[in-house]
C-alpha atoms as a PDB file:
ATOM      1  CA  MET A   1       1.319 -39.093  21.443  1.00  0.00           C
ATOM      2  CA  ILE A   2      -0.559 -41.202  23.964  1.00  0.00           C
ATOM      3  CA  PHE A   3      -1.416 -40.082  27.471  1.00  0.00           C
ATOM      4  CA  SER A   4       0.981 -42.478  29.231  1.00  0.00           C
ATOM      5  CA  GLU A   5       3.900 -40.669  27.560  1.00  0.00           C
ATOM      6  CA  ILE A   6       3.351 -37.329  29.293  1.00  0.00           C
ATOM      7  CA  ASN A   7       6.255 -35.891  31.270  1.00  0.00           C
ATOM      8  CA  PRO A   8       5.189 -32.313  31.964  1.00  0.00           C
ATOM      9  CA  PHE A   9       7.540 -29.369  32.090  1.00  0.00           C
ATOM     10  CA  VAL A  10       6.096 -26.550  34.211  1.00  0.00           C
ATOM     11  CA  ARG A  11       7.187 -23.245  32.738  1.00  0.00           C
ATOM     12  CA  PHE A  12       5.262 -20.963  35.081  1.00  0.00           C
ATOM     13  CA  ALA A  13       3.051 -21.448  38.153  1.00  0.00           C
ATOM     14  CA  ARG A  14       1.386 -18.721  40.164  1.00  0.00           C
ATOM     15  CA  TYR A  15      -1.749 -17.359  41.766  1.00  0.00           C
ATOM     16  CA  ALA A  16      -3.769 -14.978  39.619  1.00  0.00           C
ATOM     17  CA  ASN A  17      -6.365 -12.581  41.040  1.00  0.00           C
ATOM     18  CA  TYR A  18      -8.903 -10.891  38.774  1.00  0.00           C
ATOM     19  CA  ASP A  19     -11.730  -8.472  39.582  1.00  0.00           C
ATOM     20  CA  VAL A  20     -14.200  -6.157  37.879  1.00  0.00           C
ATOM     21  CA  ASN A  21     -11.312  -4.052  36.550  1.00  0.00           C
ATOM     22  CA  THR A  22      -9.841  -7.001  34.661  1.00  0.00           C
ATOM     23  CA  PHE A  23     -10.059  -7.026  30.898  1.00  0.00           C
ATOM     24  CA  PHE A  24      -8.306  -9.369  28.462  1.00  0.00           C
ATOM     25  CA  ASN A  25      -8.715  -9.957  24.762  1.00  0.00           C
ATOM     26  CA  GLU A  26      -9.009 -13.436  23.293  1.00  0.00           C
ATOM     27  CA  VAL A  27      -5.557 -14.991  22.910  1.00  0.00           C
ATOM     28  CA  ILE A  28      -3.928 -18.225  21.795  1.00  0.00           C
ATOM     29  CA  PRO A  29      -1.370 -19.881  24.102  1.00  0.00           C
ATOM     30  CA  VAL A  30       1.836 -21.284  22.640  1.00  0.00           C
ATOM     31  CA  ASP A  31       2.108 -23.753  25.527  1.00  0.00           C
ATOM     32  CA  ALA A  32      -0.605 -25.546  27.526  1.00  0.00           C
ATOM     33  CA  ARG A  33      -2.611 -23.854  30.294  1.00  0.00           C
ATOM     34  CA  MET A  34      -4.406 -24.982  33.421  1.00  0.00           C
ATOM     35  CA  PHE A  35      -6.764 -22.738  35.408  1.00  0.00           C
ATOM     36  CA  TYR A  36      -7.953 -23.927  38.845  1.00  0.00           C
ATOM     37  CA  THR A  37     -10.403 -21.801  40.841  1.00  0.00           C
ATOM     38  CA  VAL A  38      -9.287 -21.310  44.438  1.00  0.00           C
ATOM     39  CA  SER A  39     -12.038 -18.865  45.402  1.00  0.00           C
ATOM     40  CA  GLY A  40     -14.597 -16.529  43.894  1.00  0.00           C
ATOM     41  CA  TYR A  41     -16.511 -16.865  40.659  1.00  0.00           C
ATOM     42  CA  GLY A  42     -15.277 -16.206  37.151  1.00  0.00           C
ATOM     43  CA  LYS A  43     -15.757 -17.227  33.558  1.00  0.00           C
ATOM     44  CA  LEU A  44     -13.323 -18.453  30.937  1.00  0.00           C
ATOM     45  CA  LYS A  45     -14.061 -18.858  27.269  1.00  0.00           C
ATOM     46  CA  ALA A  46     -12.065 -21.593  25.563  1.00  0.00           C
ATOM     47  CA  ASP A  47     -12.449 -22.961  22.043  1.00  0.00           C
ATOM     48  CA  GLY A  48     -15.637 -20.927  21.657  1.00  0.00           C
ATOM     49  CA  ILE A  49     -17.365 -22.208  24.824  1.00  0.00           C
ATOM     50  CA  VAL A  50     -17.880 -20.210  28.035  1.00  0.00           C
ATOM     51  CA  TYR A  51     -17.112 -22.127  31.241  1.00  0.00           C
ATOM     52  CA  GLU A  52     -18.292 -21.199  34.731  1.00  0.00           C
ATOM     53  CA  MET A  53     -15.229 -21.109  36.997  1.00  0.00           C
ATOM     54  CA  THR A  54     -16.639 -21.765  40.458  1.00  0.00           C
ATOM     55  CA  PRO A  55     -14.523 -22.875  43.447  1.00  0.00           C
ATOM     56  CA  HIS A  56     -12.601 -26.114  42.739  1.00  0.00           C
ATOM     57  CA  SER A  57     -13.342 -26.062  39.013  1.00  0.00           C
ATOM     58  CA  VAL A  58     -10.520 -26.701  36.553  1.00  0.00           C
ATOM     59  CA  LEU A  59     -10.009 -25.887  32.898  1.00  0.00           C
ATOM     60  CA  ILE A  60      -7.161 -27.472  30.910  1.00  0.00           C
ATOM     61  CA  ILE A  61      -6.412 -25.772  27.592  1.00  0.00           C
ATOM     62  CA  ASN A  62      -3.989 -27.222  25.085  1.00  0.00           C
ATOM     63  CA  SER A  63      -1.534 -25.039  23.200  1.00  0.00           C
ATOM     64  CA  GLY A  64      -3.006 -23.505  20.068  1.00  0.00           C
ATOM     65  CA  VAL A  65      -6.544 -23.385  21.498  1.00  0.00           C
ATOM     66  CA  PRO A  66      -7.970 -19.839  21.787  1.00  0.00           C
ATOM     67  CA  TYR A  67      -9.137 -18.680  25.201  1.00  0.00           C
ATOM     68  CA  HIS A  68     -10.404 -15.533  26.864  1.00  0.00           C
ATOM     69  CA  ILE A  69     -10.217 -14.612  30.557  1.00  0.00           C
ATOM     70  CA  MET A  70     -13.544 -12.903  31.073  1.00  0.00           C
ATOM     71  CA  THR A  71     -14.163 -10.060  33.519  1.00  0.00           C
ATOM     72  CA  PRO A  72     -15.734 -11.468  36.711  1.00  0.00           C
ATOM     73  CA  GLU A  73     -18.726  -9.812  38.355  1.00  0.00           C
ATOM     74  CA  GLY A  74     -16.845  -9.750  41.650  1.00  0.00           C
ATOM     75  CA  SER A  75     -13.437 -11.325  42.103  1.00  0.00           C
ATOM     76  CA  VAL A  76     -11.833 -14.669  41.414  1.00  0.00           C
ATOM     77  CA  LYS A  77      -8.551 -16.299  42.386  1.00  0.00           C
ATOM     78  CA  TYR A  78      -6.983 -18.918  40.139  1.00  0.00           C
ATOM     79  CA  ILE A  79      -3.976 -21.169  40.309  1.00  0.00           C
ATOM     80  CA  LEU A  80      -2.579 -20.840  36.807  1.00  0.00           C
ATOM     81  CA  MET A  81      -0.048 -23.151  35.143  1.00  0.00           C
ATOM     82  CA  ASN A  82       1.875 -22.729  31.890  1.00  0.00           C
ATOM     83  CA  TYR A  83       3.399 -26.043  30.850  1.00  0.00           C
ATOM     84  CA  ASP A  84       4.356 -28.481  28.105  1.00  0.00           C
ATOM     85  CA  TYR A  85       3.355 -32.137  28.012  1.00  0.00           C
ATOM     86  CA  THR A  86       6.968 -33.219  27.389  1.00  0.00           C
ATOM     87  CA  GLN A  87      10.455 -31.993  28.276  1.00  0.00           C
ATOM     88  CA  SER A  88      11.475 -31.271  24.688  1.00  0.00           C
ATOM     89  CA  ALA A  89      11.347 -27.482  25.166  1.00  0.00           C
ATOM     90  CA  SER A  90      12.536 -27.356  28.782  1.00  0.00           C
ATOM     91  CA  ARG A  91      15.353 -25.036  27.708  1.00  0.00           C
ATOM     92  CA  LEU A  92      12.674 -22.318  27.484  1.00  0.00           C
ATOM     93  CA  THR A  93      12.346 -21.634  31.188  1.00  0.00           C
ATOM     94  CA  THR A  94      10.870 -18.139  31.231  1.00  0.00           C
ATOM     95  CA  PRO A  95       7.105 -17.543  30.914  1.00  0.00           C
ATOM     96  CA  ILE A  96       5.832 -17.226  27.354  1.00  0.00           C
ATOM     97  CA  LYS A  97       2.907 -14.891  26.888  1.00  0.00           C
ATOM     98  CA  PRO A  98      -0.066 -15.991  24.814  1.00  0.00           C
ATOM     99  CA  VAL A  99      -0.429 -14.379  21.414  1.00  0.00           C
ATOM    100  CA  ALA A 100      -3.234 -12.127  20.214  1.00  0.00           C
ATOM    101  CA  LYS A 101      -5.541 -14.223  18.062  1.00  0.00           C
ATOM    102  CA  GLU A 102      -5.042 -12.086  14.964  1.00  0.00           C
ATOM    103  CA  LYS A 103      -1.240 -12.372  15.223  1.00  0.00           C
ATOM    104  CA  PHE A 104      -1.008 -16.094  15.878  1.00  0.00           C
ATOM    105  CA  THR A 105       0.672 -18.523  13.465  1.00  0.00           C
ATOM    106  CA  GLU A 106       1.169 -22.266  13.923  1.00  0.00           C
ATOM    107  CA  ASN A 107       4.963 -22.004  13.960  1.00  0.00           C
ATOM    108  CA  MET A 108       4.748 -20.092  17.260  1.00  0.00           C
ATOM    109  CA  LEU A 109       3.705 -23.242  19.144  1.00  0.00           C
ATOM    110  CA  VAL A 110       6.434 -24.391  21.535  1.00  0.00           C
ATOM    111  CA  ASP A 111       5.729 -28.085  22.077  1.00  0.00           C
ATOM    112  CA  HIS A 112       2.273 -28.763  20.698  1.00  0.00           C
ATOM    113  CA  ARG A 113       1.005 -32.294  21.360  1.00  0.00           C
ATOM    114  CA  THR A 114      -2.193 -34.044  20.385  1.00  0.00           C
ATOM    115  CA  PHE A 115      -3.379 -37.256  22.009  1.00  0.00           C
ATOM    116  CA  GLN A 116      -4.417 -40.322  20.086  1.00  0.00           C
ATOM    117  CA  ASP A 117      -6.216 -41.880  23.060  1.00  0.00           C
ATOM    118  CA  LEU A 118      -7.648 -38.742  24.724  1.00  0.00           C
ATOM    119  CA  LYS A 119      -8.963 -36.389  22.091  1.00  0.00           C
ATOM    120  CA  ALA A 120     -10.473 -34.037  24.698  1.00  0.00           C
ATOM    121  CA  LEU A 121      -7.017 -33.359  26.133  1.00  0.00           C
ATOM    122  CA  SER A 122      -5.912 -32.254  22.677  1.00  0.00           C
ATOM    123  CA  ARG A 123      -8.334 -29.335  23.009  1.00  0.00           C
ATOM    124  CA  VAL A 124     -10.105 -28.592  26.319  1.00  0.00           C
ATOM    125  CA  ILE A 125     -11.042 -30.477  29.473  1.00  0.00           C
ATOM    126  CA  TYR A 126     -13.394 -28.824  31.987  1.00  0.00           C
ATOM    127  CA  ILE A 127     -14.414 -30.219  35.357  1.00  0.00           C
ATOM    128  CA  LYS A 128     -16.887 -28.253  37.442  1.00  0.00           C
ATOM    129  CA  LYS A 129     -15.619 -29.513  40.801  1.00  0.00           C
ATOM    130  CA  ILE A 130     -12.487 -31.500  41.629  1.00  0.00           C
ATOM    131  CA  ASP A 131     -11.074 -30.478  44.988  1.00  0.00           C
ATOM    132  CA  ASN A 132      -8.530 -33.266  45.498  1.00  0.00           C
ATOM    133  CA  ILE A 133      -5.920 -31.607  43.271  1.00  0.00           C
ATOM    134  CA  GLN A 134      -5.779 -28.247  45.067  1.00  0.00           C
ATOM    135  CA  ALA A 135      -3.190 -29.329  47.653  1.00  0.00           C
ATOM    136  CA  LYS A 136      -0.876 -30.642  44.926  1.00  0.00           C
ATOM    137  CA  LEU A 137      -1.313 -27.507  42.824  1.00  0.00           C
ATOM    138  CA  THR A 138      -0.489 -25.390  45.884  1.00  0.00           C
ATOM    139  CA  VAL A 139       2.753 -27.332  46.384  1.00  0.00           C
ATOM    140  CA  ILE A 140       3.618 -26.751  42.716  1.00  0.00           C
ATOM    141  CA  VAL A 141       3.182 -22.983  43.094  1.00  0.00           C
ATOM    142  CA  ASN A 142       5.214 -22.898  46.311  1.00  0.00           C
ATOM    143  CA  GLU A 143       8.009 -25.019  44.856  1.00  0.00           C
ATOM    144  CA  TYR A 144       8.104 -22.903  41.711  1.00  0.00           C
ATOM    145  CA  MET A 145       8.314 -19.678  43.704  1.00  0.00           C
ATOM    146  CA  GLN A 146      11.005 -20.970  46.092  1.00  0.00           C
ATOM    147  CA  LYS A 147      12.974 -22.803  43.391  1.00  0.00           C
ATOM    148  CA  LEU A 148      14.356 -25.400  45.774  1.00  0.00           C
ATOM    149  CA  LEU A 149      16.805 -28.049  44.611  1.00  0.00           C
ATOM    150  CA  TYR A 150      15.184 -30.399  42.038  1.00  0.00           C
ATOM    151  CA  TYR A 151      11.958 -28.383  42.101  1.00  0.00           C
ATOM    152  CA  GLU A 152      11.438 -28.816  38.353  1.00  0.00           C
ATOM    153  CA  GLU A 153      11.394 -32.602  38.649  1.00  0.00           C
ATOM    154  CA  LYS A 154       9.069 -32.492  41.653  1.00  0.00           C
ATOM    155  CA  ILE A 155       6.511 -30.111  40.166  1.00  0.00           C
ATOM    156  CA  GLY A 156       6.540 -31.953  36.846  1.00  0.00           C
ATOM    157  CA  HIS A 157       5.583 -35.191  38.596  1.00  0.00           C
ATOM    158  CA  LEU A 158       2.944 -33.412  40.685  1.00  0.00           C
ATOM    159  CA  LEU A 159       1.385 -31.811  37.625  1.00  0.00           C
ATOM    160  CA  ALA A 160       1.305 -35.198  35.858  1.00  0.00           C
ATOM    161  CA  ASP A 161      -0.540 -36.534  38.906  1.00  0.00           C
ATOM    162  CA  CYS A 162      -3.051 -33.660  38.778  1.00  0.00           C
ATOM    163  CA  ILE A 163      -3.638 -34.067  35.048  1.00  0.00           C
ATOM    164  CA  THR A 164      -4.146 -37.813  35.556  1.00  0.00           C
ATOM    165  CA  ASP A 165      -6.736 -37.104  38.265  1.00  0.00           C
ATOM    166  CA  CYS A 166      -8.521 -34.718  35.898  1.00  0.00           C
ATOM    167  CA  VAL A 167      -8.458 -37.163  32.997  1.00  0.00           C
ATOM    168  CA  ARG A 168      -9.694 -39.997  35.218  1.00  0.00           C
ATOM    169  CA  PHE A 169     -12.497 -37.791  36.546  1.00  0.00           C
ATOM    170  CA  SER A 170     -13.381 -36.711  33.019  1.00  0.00           C
ATOM    171  CA  GLU A 171     -13.521 -40.326  31.832  1.00  0.00           C
ATOM    172  CA  ILE A 172     -15.266 -41.859  34.851  1.00  0.00           C
ATOM    173  CA  GLY A 173     -17.108 -38.919  36.392  1.00  0.00           C
ATOM    174  CA  SER A 174     -17.801 -38.134  40.020  1.00  0.00           C
ATOM    175  CA  VAL A 175     -18.581 -40.767  42.632  1.00  0.00           C
ATOM    176  CA  SER A 176     -21.934 -42.312  41.846  1.00  0.00           C
ATOM    177  CA  SER A 177     -23.839 -45.496  42.585  1.00  0.00           C
ATOM    178  CA  ASP A 178     -22.239 -46.994  39.456  1.00  0.00           C
ATOM    179  CA  ASP A 179     -18.791 -46.090  40.744  1.00  0.00           C
ATOM    180  CA  GLU A 180     -19.515 -47.661  44.114  1.00  0.00           C
ATOM    181  CA  ASP A 181     -20.813 -50.792  42.402  1.00  0.00           C
ATOM    182  CA  ALA A 182     -17.595 -51.029  40.384  1.00  0.00           C
ATOM    183  CA  GLU A 183     -15.477 -50.644  43.529  1.00  0.00           C
ATOM    184  CA  ASN A 184     -17.438 -53.428  45.238  1.00  0.00           C
ATOM    185  CA  ILE A 185     -17.067 -55.739  42.227  1.00  0.00           C
ATOM    186  CA  ILE A 186     -13.330 -55.046  41.975  1.00  0.00           C
ATOM    187  CA  SER A 187     -12.943 -55.744  45.692  1.00  0.00           C
ATOM    188  CA  TYR A 188     -14.823 -59.025  45.209  1.00  0.00           C
ATOM    189  CA  ILE A 189     -12.526 -60.048  42.347  1.00  0.00           C
ATOM    190  CA  HIS A 190      -9.430 -59.416  44.479  1.00  0.00           C
ATOM    191  CA  LYS A 191     -10.862 -61.569  47.277  1.00  0.00           C
ATOM    192  CA  HIS A 192     -12.209 -64.416  45.104  1.00  0.00           C
ATOM    193  CA  TYR A 193      -9.839 -64.490  42.122  1.00  0.00           C
ATOM    194  CA  MET A 194      -8.930 -68.115  42.905  1.00  0.00           C
ATOM    195  CA  GLU A 195     -12.528 -69.190  42.284  1.00  0.00           C
ATOM    196  CA  GLY A 196     -14.229 -69.742  38.940  1.00  0.00           C
ATOM    197  CA  ILE A 197     -15.696 -66.246  38.816  1.00  0.00           C
ATOM    198  CA  THR A 198     -17.204 -64.765  35.646  1.00  0.00           C
ATOM    199  CA  ASN A 199     -19.317 -61.722  34.904  1.00  0.00           C
ATOM    200  CA  SER A 200     -22.320 -64.072  34.841  1.00  0.00           C
ATOM    201  CA  SER A 201     -21.610 -65.479  38.294  1.00  0.00           C
ATOM    202  CA  MET A 202     -20.999 -62.004  39.704  1.00  0.00           C
ATOM    203  CA  GLY A 203     -24.198 -60.818  38.070  1.00  0.00           C
ATOM    204  CA  GLY A 204     -26.028 -63.294  40.261  1.00  0.00           C
ATOM    205  CA  ILE A 205     -24.077 -62.278  43.365  1.00  0.00           C
ATOM    206  CA  PHE A 206     -24.600 -58.550  42.912  1.00  0.00           C
ATOM    207  CA  GLY A 207     -28.039 -58.755  41.328  1.00  0.00           C
ATOM    208  CA  TYR A 208     -27.071 -57.123  38.035  1.00  0.00           C
ATOM    209  CA  HIS A 209     -27.147 -58.206  34.410  1.00  0.00           C
ATOM    210  CA  PRO A 210     -23.735 -59.610  33.320  1.00  0.00           C
ATOM    211  CA  ASN A 211     -23.487 -56.961  30.595  1.00  0.00           C
ATOM    212  CA  TYR A 212     -23.835 -54.234  33.232  1.00  0.00           C
ATOM    213  CA  ILE A 213     -21.060 -55.868  35.284  1.00  0.00           C
ATOM    214  CA  SER A 214     -18.833 -55.938  32.210  1.00  0.00           C
ATOM    215  CA  ALA A 215     -19.547 -52.295  31.372  1.00  0.00           C
ATOM    216  CA  LEU A 216     -18.754 -51.148  34.913  1.00  0.00           C
ATOM    217  CA  ILE A 217     -15.362 -52.848  35.018  1.00  0.00           C
ATOM    218  CA  LYS A 218     -14.456 -51.684  31.525  1.00  0.00           C
ATOM    219  CA  LYS A 219     -15.304 -48.095  32.469  1.00  0.00           C
ATOM    220  CA  LYS A 220     -13.400 -48.268  35.759  1.00  0.00           C
ATOM    221  CA  THR A 221     -10.242 -50.108  34.678  1.00  0.00           C
ATOM    222  CA  GLY A 222     -10.157 -49.816  30.894  1.00  0.00           C
ATOM    223  CA  MET A 223     -10.043 -53.621  30.671  1.00  0.00           C
ATOM    224  CA  PRO A 224     -12.746 -56.155  29.775  1.00  0.00           C
ATOM    225  CA  ILE A 225     -13.772 -58.043  32.893  1.00  0.00           C
ATOM    226  CA  HIS A 226     -12.251 -61.377  31.806  1.00  0.00           C
ATOM    227  CA  GLN A 227      -8.950 -59.610  31.143  1.00  0.00           C
ATOM    228  CA  TYR A 228      -9.083 -57.908  34.554  1.00  0.00           C
ATOM    229  CA  ILE A 229      -9.705 -61.232  36.324  1.00  0.00           C
ATOM    230  CA  ILE A 230      -6.722 -62.768  34.506  1.00  0.00           C
ATOM    231  CA  TYR A 231      -4.609 -59.737  35.458  1.00  0.00           C
ATOM    232  CA  VAL A 232      -5.453 -60.140  39.168  1.00  0.00           C
ATOM    233  CA  ARG A 233      -4.750 -63.880  39.021  1.00  0.00           C
ATOM    234  CA  LEU A 234      -1.383 -63.309  37.327  1.00  0.00           C
ATOM    235  CA  LEU A 235      -0.292 -60.746  39.928  1.00  0.00           C
ATOM    236  CA  ASN A 236      -1.054 -63.169  42.722  1.00  0.00           C
ATOM    237  CA  ALA A 237       0.662 -66.030  40.873  1.00  0.00           C
ATOM    238  CA  ALA A 238       3.798 -63.910  40.492  1.00  0.00           C
ATOM    239  CA  SER A 239       3.769 -63.194  44.226  1.00  0.00           C
ATOM    240  CA  LEU A 240       3.539 -66.925  45.012  1.00  0.00           C
ATOM    241  CA  LEU A 241       6.395 -67.685  42.616  1.00  0.00           C
ATOM    242  CA  GLU A 242       8.531 -65.117  44.412  1.00  0.00           C
ATOM    243  CA  ASN A 243       7.638 -66.026  47.976  1.00  0.00           C
ATOM    244  CA  THR A 244       6.788 -69.742  48.149  1.00  0.00           C
ATOM    245  CA  THR A 245       8.180 -73.109  47.080  1.00  0.00           C
ATOM    246  CA  LEU A 246       4.858 -74.297  45.652  1.00  0.00           C
ATOM    247  CA  SER A 247       5.115 -75.950  42.247  1.00  0.00           C
ATOM    248  CA  VAL A 248       3.989 -74.080  39.160  1.00  0.00           C
ATOM    249  CA  ASN A 249       1.018 -76.449  38.865  1.00  0.00           C
ATOM    250  CA  GLU A 250       0.004 -75.775  42.467  1.00  0.00           C
ATOM    251  CA  ILE A 251       0.308 -72.031  42.016  1.00  0.00           C
ATOM    252  CA  ALA A 252      -1.724 -72.096  38.817  1.00  0.00           C
ATOM    253  CA  ALA A 253      -4.527 -74.034  40.490  1.00  0.00           C
ATOM    254  CA  SER A 254      -4.484 -71.845  43.620  1.00  0.00           C
ATOM    255  CA  CYS A 255      -4.891 -68.719  41.475  1.00  0.00           C
ATOM    256  CA  GLY A 256      -7.847 -69.969  39.470  1.00  0.00           C
ATOM    257  CA  PHE A 257      -6.008 -71.400  36.440  1.00  0.00           C
ATOM    258  CA  TYR A 258      -7.069 -74.996  35.896  1.00  0.00           C
ATOM    259  CA  ASP A 259      -5.143 -75.470  32.652  1.00  0.00           C
ATOM    260  CA  ILE A 260      -1.367 -75.178  33.084  1.00  0.00           C
ATOM    261  CA  ALA A 261      -0.820 -74.437  29.378  1.00  0.00           C
ATOM    262  CA  TYR A 262      -3.382 -71.635  29.550  1.00  0.00           C
ATOM    263  CA  PHE A 263      -1.679 -70.267  32.677  1.00  0.00           C
ATOM    264  CA  SER A 264       1.792 -70.385  31.127  1.00  0.00           C
ATOM    265  CA  LYS A 265       0.582 -68.720  27.942  1.00  0.00           C
ATOM    266  CA  TYR A 266      -0.943 -65.730  29.733  1.00  0.00           C
ATOM    267  CA  PHE A 267       1.877 -65.500  32.269  1.00  0.00           C
ATOM    268  CA  LYS A 268       4.487 -65.216  29.508  1.00  0.00           C
ATOM    269  CA  LYS A 269       2.330 -62.751  27.605  1.00  0.00           C
ATOM    270  CA  HIS A 270       2.123 -60.500  30.675  1.00  0.00           C
ATOM    271  CA  PHE A 271       5.611 -60.886  32.204  1.00  0.00           C
ATOM    272  CA  GLY A 272       7.677 -61.767  29.140  1.00  0.00           C
ATOM    273  CA  VAL A 273       8.930 -65.086  30.581  1.00  0.00           C
ATOM    274  CA  ASN A 274       7.277 -68.366  31.548  1.00  0.00           C
ATOM    275  CA  PRO A 275       6.535 -69.079  35.248  1.00  0.00           C
ATOM    276  CA  SER A 276       9.642 -71.254  35.812  1.00  0.00           C
ATOM    277  CA  GLU A 277      11.939 -68.636  34.288  1.00  0.00           C
ATOM    278  CA  TYR A 278      10.268 -65.889  36.347  1.00  0.00           C
ATOM    279  CA  ARG A 279      11.069 -67.795  39.551  1.00  0.00           C
ATOM    280  CA  GLN A 280      14.779 -67.822  38.621  1.00  0.00           C
ATOM    281  CA  ILE A 281      15.040 -64.067  38.030  1.00  0.00           C
END
C-alpha cells in the first residue's frame, strides 16, 4: 500500500509504566505498535537495534517486526498503541498480545501492511524528540478509556495525524536553517506566483544556487519547484474562476500563465476539466 491510504484502527491505547522490576522477552507483534515516552528513560530494542527512549521520543514498529521492552535503570512511562493501518480487521476489538519469537508464524499477522513509498514505515521509525504529538496521543488514550460515542473514528483520525507528523519529521527532520529557508521560499512563491519566477530568479533573490533552491522545495513539498509554482498558480486561478467575472485569458495572465493553451492544459490536468467548464460547476 501507499502511505496516503492509511486509515488506522486503534485496537488498544493506554499508559504503560515500567521500572527496574520489569522484564520482558523479545516478542513479535501481530499488529503495529507505537511507543511514546511521556517521562523517564528507557530502552527498546526493535529489529535488532536498541533505541534510547528519552522524554518525547517515539518508536513505531510494524507488525511482524521483533521488539524487546528492556528493563529501565529507573522508571519510564510510555503511551502505547496497538493498531492496524487499515480497518480490514476492525472486528478484532480486544487487545492482541505479541507472540514469543520462537512461536511466531507469518499466518498470525492480523493486518500486515508494507509501504511502497515509505519503506521505513514497513519496519521501524524512531524519532528522538517530537513533542507536538503528545497532546493528540493523550486524547486517544482518554477517548479509548472512556469509549464515548464515535470514539473509534475520532482516535483513528488522531492516530493518522500523529503518524503523519512522525513520517514528515522522519523525512524532513527537525527545524533547521534549511527548513527555514524552504519556508521563506514557499512564502515568496505564494506572494509572487503571478510573476515570472523560477528557481534561477529566486536563487538571486535569496542568494543561493538554483539547484539548492530546487532541492529545498523538493524536500519540503515532494514536488519539483516548477511543479510547485504551477500548483500555486492553478489554485489561485481556480479561486478567481469561482469568485470573479474576469475572462479566462485575464485570469491566466494574472496568475503568471502567459500562454492560454499552456494554462488550459495544466488546469485540466489538475482539475479534470478546462477552465470554462470549471466555472460552470
